[in-house]
Amino acid sequence: MTGWFRDQASSATIKTTPVDRLLAITRKSLRFRAANFCDWCHRFGPSRKRFFPAAIPRKFALLLVALILPLLAQGNTATGHAPQPVKKNCAPGVVLKVSAGVAAQGSLLLAEITGLDDRQKVKAEWDGRDVPLWPESQPARTLHAMIGVDLEKSPGSYQWKISWTAADGSSAACGVPITVRTGKFATERLTVEKQYVQPDPEQQKRAEEDQKKMRAIYDTVTPEVLWKGKFRLPLKGEIAGKNFGRRRVLNGEARSPHAGIDFPAAAGTPVYAAQAGRVALAEDLYYSGNTVVIDHGFGIYTLYAHLSEIAVHSGDTVAALAEIGKVGATGRVTGPHLHWGLTIDHARVNGLQIVQKEP
């Protein structure tokens, strides 16, 4: 459990840095085309005007920008506002910690309670829902929890609360405020075949049945830890996931945000379990095609969709990195890739964050 409150997961939000602002100012005042300066920066629209006024030599201006950018980057690192852990002394010997006091939609928070044990009838709550707690080890008096901030959770202030029975039999409670801020996700507009956005009555009925099935799975909280160690990515090799939280407009109609991560990969590429657990579902669904859902315990589930093949069955126990299927293009998709989702107590969370930490 060490490192929980030192490691900061990368955010799924898009932030504006001093580098971005400098490029914007440069373009406005010097009419410089940022796209020609560095491909990784935010690109501006093309301009037909000259890069710089005649009074400013081009080479001098480029050199000036090149010198200032690293300095601003250093300043941003030193003074940036990265999510900071919060800690509260609730009672003598009882300490409550949360990995961040401010979290964007779709984030994962880690919580730790020291000085209590489950024999004291400890209860945790997040936004009106009970949150499972588990001990790090026995007889250590440390309890852990994961808090999922749903992708569409309303921004605002919420309380992470715990309550317990004190040694004298009295009830005690404690909590810390957590601010949820709006996640800044991209919007994608696509034109696709009608069947992908307007299923016929039979297909709609099947989709609704699938939704009920998934809801029943996520309603089930296995009261034990089925994983061990860190979560892994579901594909091997150097891969980059994308599209988490992306808002999609299909044929002019707004759809639900993309609740998982898309990994581009060739059809037939092996797909692996992100961690040990029990297979809760392994079948063909209308939207997600050949789908595997793994229960890792305490309300934590990972989902693997659009598979060309499924190599496990519902009820199977799988080890971390066990092959569970192969990348495909089944379901409502236009090409092969792996859609990987993470759900924590019904909250749709950016799966890359659980890979970076050891729950």
Foldseek 3Di string as FASTA:
>chain_A
DPPQQPDAFDDPFDDQAVLLVVVVVLCVQAVAFVCVVDVPHDGDDDDPDDRGPPVDDPVVVVVVSVVVNVVRVVVCVVPPDGFHKDKDDFDVFWIKIKNGQEEEAQAKIKIKIADAACVQVKWKDWPHDTAAWDDPDPPGRMIMTMDGRFNPHDWDKIKTKMKTQDPVRDIGMDIDIHTYDYGHAAEEEEEDDPCLPDPDPVLVVLQVVVVVLVVVVLVDAANDAQWDWAFAAFADDDWDWDQAQYWYQYPNRTDGGQLWTKTDDAWFGWTFGRTWFFWQAAAQGAAFGGKIWGHRGRSKIKIKGQFPFADDHHGDTDGGGDTGGTWHHGHSGDTTIITMWIAHSNGRHYPSRRNSDID
